[in-house]
Amino acid sequence: MEKLDLLLLILETIDLNGIQSLYVISNRLNLNDVLPNKITIWKLRNNNPLRKSYVKNNIKINEFNALIKITVEMSRYLYPYIRRILQSKEELDKDKVIWNDFNKRFVELIKERFNVDSMRVKKLLNQTENDEIIIRSLLTLSLCISNQGYQKMKAYLIDF
């Protein structure tokens, strides 16, 4: 759940209407029976122990799969932006504004939603390690936009 929530947070960093977009995508994918509202999505994401509002619930497999489907679909939708952010990191000497803005917003969301006293969260806030985690996450999202994106994402999350 940690990995999935982090990927969703990356997507929310890109899409300023993050939670609303997640809910719209869940409706478009006909996941209303599993994710009937934004609060349900929020509650499921609170299964991440890095969150300030962490609550250990047994997440059902259909709920986990629904979140994966939303992540993959949102990645497809945001792929041009994901690509541009990765490109801006490669070309920092030419265009550091995009990368710096993205990174700043990501850190703000981490501070707002995650327990900053946790060592793993401190790692996310450390600039050197943060860049590596962000790049790896963005690449993961990029690789999951294909027709087999759901299977790839699930395999990544379950660590096959």
Protein backbone atom coordinates (compact mmCIF):
# COMPACT_ATOMS: atom_id res chain seq x y z
CA MET A 1 0.00 0.00 0.00
CA GLU A 2 2.96 2.31 0.65
CA LYS A 3 4.20 2.04 -2.93
CA LEU A 4 0.73 2.50 -4.41
CA ASP A 5 -0.06 5.51 -2.24
CA LEU A 6 3.28 7.09 -3.14
CA LEU A 7 2.52 6.64 -6.85
CA LEU A 8 -0.89 8.19 -6.33
CA LEU A 9 0.75 11.08 -4.49
CA ILE A 10 3.09 11.59 -7.45
CA LEU A 11 0.04 11.75 -9.72
CA GLU A 12 -1.63 14.20 -7.35
CA THR A 13 1.50 16.32 -7.48
CA ILE A 14 1.06 16.60 -11.24
CA ASP A 15 -2.73 16.99 -11.27
CA LEU A 16 -3.77 19.83 -8.98
CA ASN A 17 -7.30 18.38 -8.79
CA GLY A 18 -5.84 15.04 -7.71
CA ILE A 19 -8.53 13.46 -5.54
CA GLN A 20 -11.31 14.75 -7.78
CA SER A 21 -9.54 13.31 -10.82
CA LEU A 22 -9.10 9.96 -9.08
CA TYR A 23 -12.81 9.87 -8.34
CA VAL A 24 -13.78 10.85 -11.90
CA ILE A 25 -11.54 8.10 -13.28
CA SER A 26 -13.04 5.55 -10.88
CA ASN A 27 -16.50 6.49 -12.21
CA ARG A 28 -15.30 6.25 -15.80
CA LEU A 29 -13.92 2.77 -15.09
CA ASN A 30 -17.24 1.75 -13.47
CA LEU A 31 -15.64 1.14 -10.07
CA ASN A 32 -18.51 2.79 -8.18
CA ASP A 33 -19.40 -0.41 -6.34
CA VAL A 34 -15.87 -0.63 -4.89
CA LEU A 35 -15.06 3.10 -4.68
CA PRO A 36 -18.41 4.85 -4.24
CA ASN A 37 -16.96 8.22 -3.20
CA LYS A 38 -13.82 10.27 -2.53
CA ILE A 39 -13.90 9.42 1.17
CA THR A 40 -13.60 5.71 0.39
CA ILE A 41 -10.51 6.40 -1.72
CA TRP A 42 -9.06 8.52 1.10
CA LYS A 43 -9.75 5.81 3.70
CA LEU A 44 -8.08 3.16 1.57
CA ARG A 45 -5.02 5.32 1.09
CA ASN A 46 -4.80 5.77 4.86
CA ASN A 47 -3.68 2.13 5.01
CA ASN A 48 -0.23 3.53 4.26
CA PRO A 49 1.71 3.51 7.56
CA LEU A 50 3.65 6.60 6.44
CA ARG A 51 0.53 8.76 6.61
CA LYS A 52 -0.33 11.04 9.51
CA SER A 53 -3.84 9.63 9.49
CA TYR A 54 -2.73 5.98 9.27
CA VAL A 55 -5.44 3.49 10.15
CA LYS A 56 -4.75 -0.19 9.78
CA ASN A 57 -7.69 -1.74 7.99
CA ASN A 58 -7.71 -4.92 6.03
CA ILE A 59 -7.90 -3.68 2.47
CA LYS A 60 -9.79 -6.08 0.25
CA ILE A 61 -8.21 -7.36 -2.94
CA ASN A 62 -10.93 -5.77 -5.10
CA GLU A 63 -10.25 -2.38 -3.43
CA PHE A 64 -6.51 -2.73 -4.01
CA ASN A 65 -7.10 -3.74 -7.64
CA ALA A 66 -9.44 -0.76 -8.14
CA LEU A 67 -6.75 1.61 -6.87
CA ILE A 68 -4.26 0.01 -9.27
CA LYS A 69 -6.67 0.50 -12.18
CA ILE A 70 -7.13 4.16 -11.26
CA THR A 71 -3.37 4.65 -10.98
CA VAL A 72 -2.75 3.11 -14.40
CA GLU A 73 -5.53 5.09 -16.07
CA MET A 74 -4.42 8.36 -14.50
CA SER A 75 -0.85 7.61 -15.61
CA ARG A 76 -2.06 7.26 -19.18
CA TYR A 77 -3.90 10.55 -18.95
CA LEU A 78 -0.94 12.38 -17.37
CA TYR A 79 1.80 10.70 -19.42
CA PRO A 80 2.74 13.84 -21.41
CA TYR A 81 3.32 15.67 -18.13
CA ILE A 82 5.22 12.76 -16.60
CA ARG A 83 7.46 12.68 -19.66
CA ARG A 84 8.03 16.44 -19.50
CA ILE A 85 8.96 16.31 -15.80
CA LEU A 86 11.47 13.51 -16.43
CA GLN A 87 12.89 15.42 -19.38
CA SER A 88 13.26 18.58 -17.28
CA LYS A 89 15.29 16.60 -14.71
CA GLU A 90 17.61 15.42 -17.50
CA GLU A 91 18.01 18.98 -18.78
CA LEU A 92 18.31 20.84 -15.47
CA ASP A 93 20.79 23.30 -16.95
CA LYS A 94 18.22 24.32 -19.60
CA ASP A 95 14.90 24.04 -17.82
CA LYS A 96 14.97 23.59 -14.06
CA VAL A 97 11.65 25.37 -13.40
CA ILE A 98 9.43 22.35 -14.18
CA TRP A 99 11.49 19.92 -12.07
CA ASN A 100 11.85 22.37 -9.18
CA ASP A 101 8.13 23.22 -9.16
CA PHE A 102 7.20 19.54 -9.25
CA ASN A 103 9.66 18.69 -6.48
CA LYS A 104 8.50 21.59 -4.32
CA ARG A 105 4.85 20.56 -4.61
CA PHE A 106 5.72 16.91 -3.92
CA VAL A 107 7.57 17.86 -0.73
CA GLU A 108 4.65 20.07 0.34
CA LEU A 109 2.22 17.17 -0.10
CA ILE A 110 4.53 14.84 1.83
CA LYS A 111 4.75 17.32 4.72
CA GLU A 112 0.99 17.86 4.66
CA ARG A 113 -0.07 14.20 4.56
CA PHE A 114 2.74 12.05 5.89
CA ASN A 115 4.22 11.59 9.35
CA VAL A 116 7.41 13.68 9.06
CA ASP A 117 8.85 12.07 12.20
CA SER A 118 9.15 8.74 10.41
CA MET A 119 12.64 7.89 9.11
CA ARG A 120 11.21 6.70 5.80
CA VAL A 121 9.36 9.99 5.35
CA LYS A 122 12.54 11.91 6.21
CA LYS A 123 14.16 9.97 3.36
CA LEU A 124 11.43 11.30 1.04
CA LEU A 125 12.20 14.82 2.22
CA ASN A 126 15.97 14.45 1.75
CA GLN A 127 16.77 16.12 -1.58
CA THR A 128 19.31 13.55 -2.77
CA GLU A 129 17.22 10.49 -1.98
CA ASN A 130 14.01 12.30 -2.90
CA ASP A 131 15.17 12.80 -6.51
CA GLU A 132 15.95 9.11 -6.91
CA ILE A 133 12.58 8.04 -5.47
CA ILE A 134 10.68 10.52 -7.64
CA ILE A 135 12.49 9.47 -10.82
CA ARG A 136 11.92 5.78 -10.09
CA SER A 137 8.23 6.45 -9.39
CA LEU A 138 7.77 8.53 -12.54
CA LEU A 139 9.46 5.83 -14.63
CA THR A 140 7.22 3.19 -13.06
CA LEU A 141 4.15 5.23 -13.95
CA SER A 142 5.50 5.71 -17.49
CA LEU A 143 6.00 2.00 -18.00
CA CYS A 144 2.44 1.23 -16.93
CA ILE A 145 0.64 3.13 -19.68
CA SER A 146 0.68 0.21 -22.11
CA ASN A 147 -2.15 -2.26 -22.67
CA GLN A 148 -0.58 -4.51 -20.02
CA GLY A 149 -0.18 -1.59 -17.62
CA TYR A 150 -2.44 -3.07 -14.97
CA GLN A 151 -0.49 -6.35 -14.90
CA LYS A 152 2.85 -4.51 -14.83
CA MET A 153 1.73 -2.25 -11.99
CA LYS A 154 0.34 -5.15 -9.98
CA ALA A 155 3.58 -7.12 -10.42
CA TYR A 156 5.61 -4.10 -9.33
CA LEU A 157 3.47 -3.54 -6.24
CA ILE A 158 3.43 -7.17 -5.19
CA ASP A 159 7.19 -7.58 -5.85
CA PHE A 160 7.15 -10.65 -8.06
